[in-house]
């Protein structure tokens, strides 16, 4: 039997106050500035973490918050876009995302872990797509917050 794929791990360091970074993860207006086109967030465990994209290949991830500690971490169930819906979303979301914020000498380390990957070629393709997606979005988060703070 094949082993499941390793989680995606991506980290960016943002030289800004922790509450500002945390707000960008849970405030729908801030999420729209770097991650998605629309968001509904009920900032509590069991609450909605629904993200929607309208351009390109429109999709929605109607996730649920699985972990939440203000200024520390956020975890949520992830629903993938086409062409990964049958693989990753049936009968329910099979992967999850966990974001941890931690102080470091250079600022705040934002570490994203996307886990729950299966094995085989289709999973490898899905994991590769998501790696590039999250890498690009975390770069946008950093750029947006620095621009917001310093102009």
Protein backbone atom coordinates (compact mmCIF):
# COMPACT_ATOMS: atom_id res chain seq x y z
CA UNK A 1 0.00 0.00 0.00
CA UNK A 2 1.25 3.47 -0.90
CA UNK A 3 1.97 5.94 1.86
CA UNK A 4 -0.11 9.08 2.05
CA UNK A 5 1.55 12.27 0.89
CA UNK A 6 3.19 14.59 3.40
CA UNK A 7 1.32 17.71 4.49
CA UNK A 8 1.99 20.96 2.67
CA UNK A 9 4.08 23.23 4.91
CA UNK A 10 4.64 26.86 3.94
CA UNK A 11 5.97 29.64 6.14
CA UNK A 12 6.27 33.38 5.67
CA UNK A 13 7.59 35.88 8.19
CA UNK A 14 5.73 39.17 8.44
CA UNK A 15 7.36 42.05 10.38
CA UNK A 16 4.10 43.41 11.78
CA UNK A 17 2.09 43.15 15.02
CA UNK A 18 0.52 39.78 15.68
CA UNK A 19 -3.09 41.08 16.08
CA UNK A 20 -2.91 42.66 12.60
CA UNK A 21 -1.90 39.35 11.03
CA UNK A 22 -4.47 37.36 12.99
CA UNK A 23 -7.23 39.76 11.91
CA UNK A 24 -6.30 39.08 8.27
CA UNK A 25 -7.16 35.40 8.89
CA UNK A 26 -10.56 35.86 10.53
CA UNK A 27 -12.00 39.19 9.34
CA UNK A 28 -14.01 38.64 6.12
CA UNK A 29 -13.15 42.11 4.76
CA UNK A 30 -9.44 41.44 5.29
CA UNK A 31 -9.67 37.91 3.82
CA UNK A 32 -11.06 39.46 0.63
CA UNK A 33 -7.91 41.55 0.29
CA UNK A 34 -5.53 38.59 -0.07
CA UNK A 35 -7.23 35.20 -0.15
CA UNK A 36 -10.69 35.13 -1.73
CA UNK A 37 -13.45 37.17 -3.34
CA UNK A 38 -15.95 36.67 -0.54
CA UNK A 39 -15.84 35.20 2.97
CA UNK A 40 -18.16 34.31 5.83
CA UNK A 41 -16.40 33.68 9.13
CA UNK A 42 -17.96 32.77 12.47
CA UNK A 43 -14.83 33.06 14.62
CA UNK A 44 -15.45 30.12 16.96
CA UNK A 45 -14.79 26.39 16.90
CA UNK A 46 -17.59 24.83 14.86
CA UNK A 47 -18.28 28.15 13.13
CA UNK A 48 -18.34 28.70 9.39
CA UNK A 49 -15.15 29.43 7.46
CA UNK A 50 -16.68 29.82 4.02
CA UNK A 51 -14.47 31.16 1.25
CA UNK A 52 -15.62 31.91 -2.29
CA UNK A 53 -13.81 32.73 -5.52
CA UNK A 54 -15.73 34.16 -8.48
CA UNK A 55 -13.07 34.68 -11.15
CA UNK A 56 -11.01 32.18 -13.13
CA UNK A 57 -12.51 28.90 -11.98
CA UNK A 58 -15.22 29.91 -9.53
CA UNK A 59 -15.48 27.73 -6.44
CA UNK A 60 -16.49 27.75 -2.82
CA UNK A 61 -14.91 26.10 0.21
CA UNK A 62 -17.73 25.87 2.78
CA UNK A 63 -15.35 24.96 5.60
CA UNK A 64 -15.81 24.76 9.34
CA UNK A 65 -13.42 26.08 11.97
CA UNK A 66 -11.83 23.15 13.82
CA UNK A 67 -9.36 25.09 15.97
CA UNK A 68 -9.19 28.73 17.00
CA UNK A 69 -7.03 30.54 19.53
CA UNK A 70 -6.95 34.34 19.07
CA UNK A 71 -3.52 35.60 17.97
CA UNK A 72 -2.18 32.01 17.96
CA UNK A 73 -3.83 29.66 15.47
CA UNK A 74 -6.70 28.80 13.14
CA UNK A 75 -7.72 25.43 11.74
CA UNK A 76 -10.47 24.69 9.23
CA UNK A 77 -11.83 21.96 6.96
CA UNK A 78 -10.92 22.57 3.31
CA UNK A 79 -13.13 21.93 0.29
CA UNK A 80 -11.14 21.86 -2.94
CA UNK A 81 -12.03 23.40 -6.32
CA UNK A 82 -12.58 21.58 -9.59
CA UNK A 83 -10.97 19.34 -10.79
CA UNK A 84 -10.36 17.94 -7.29
CA UNK A 85 -13.95 17.89 -5.98
CA UNK A 86 -14.58 14.14 -6.42
CA UNK A 87 -11.19 13.27 -4.94
CA UNK A 88 -11.09 15.65 -1.98
CA UNK A 89 -14.66 16.66 -1.08
CA UNK A 90 -16.64 13.41 -1.23
CA UNK A 91 -18.52 12.61 0.91
CA UNK A 92 -17.06 15.50 2.95
CA UNK A 93 -13.87 17.56 3.08
CA UNK A 94 -10.94 15.16 3.38
CA UNK A 95 -8.22 17.72 4.03
CA UNK A 96 -7.75 20.48 6.56
CA UNK A 97 -5.71 23.63 6.90
CA UNK A 98 -3.97 24.77 10.06
CA UNK A 99 -2.31 28.18 10.41
CA UNK A 100 -0.06 29.00 13.37
CA UNK A 101 1.29 32.43 14.29
CA UNK A 102 4.50 32.55 16.30
CA UNK A 103 6.84 35.37 17.26
CA UNK A 104 10.35 35.26 15.84
CA UNK A 105 13.28 37.72 15.78
CA UNK A 106 12.20 38.97 12.31
CA UNK A 107 8.49 39.38 13.13
CA UNK A 108 5.66 36.87 13.12
CA UNK A 109 6.15 33.47 11.50
CA UNK A 110 2.95 32.45 9.72
CA UNK A 111 3.07 28.69 9.15
CA UNK A 112 0.39 27.00 7.06
CA UNK A 113 -0.02 23.22 7.15
CA UNK A 114 -2.49 21.58 4.75
CA UNK A 115 -2.89 17.91 5.67
CA UNK A 116 -5.04 14.89 4.90
CA UNK A 117 -3.61 13.98 1.49
CA UNK A 118 -4.11 10.51 0.12
CA UNK A 119 -1.71 8.60 -2.12
CA UNK A 120 -1.38 8.16 -5.87
CA UNK A 121 -1.15 10.34 -8.94
CA UNK A 122 -4.45 12.20 -8.54
CA UNK A 123 -3.53 13.15 -4.97
CA UNK A 124 -0.05 14.24 -6.10
CA UNK A 125 -1.64 16.54 -8.70
CA UNK A 126 -4.08 17.97 -6.13
CA UNK A 127 -1.31 18.50 -3.59
CA UNK A 128 0.90 20.23 -6.15
CA UNK A 129 -1.94 22.60 -7.17
CA UNK A 130 -2.66 23.44 -3.53
CA UNK A 131 1.02 23.96 -2.71
CA UNK A 132 1.28 26.63 -5.43
CA UNK A 133 -2.09 28.13 -4.43
CA UNK A 134 -1.12 28.52 -0.76
CA UNK A 135 2.40 29.72 -1.55
CA UNK A 136 1.01 32.47 -3.79
CA UNK A 137 -1.72 33.46 -1.29
CA UNK A 138 0.64 33.68 1.69
CA UNK A 139 2.90 35.90 -0.41
CA UNK A 140 -0.13 38.09 -1.12
CA UNK A 141 -0.97 38.18 2.59
CA UNK A 142 2.51 39.45 3.45
CA UNK A 143 2.57 42.00 0.60
CA UNK A 144 -0.93 43.26 1.42
CA UNK A 145 -0.26 43.70 5.14
CA UNK A 146 3.06 45.46 4.60
CA UNK A 147 1.42 47.78 2.05
CA UNK A 148 -1.47 48.40 4.48
CA UNK A 149 0.93 49.24 7.32
CA UNK A 150 3.49 51.31 5.44
CA UNK A 151 1.81 52.40 2.20
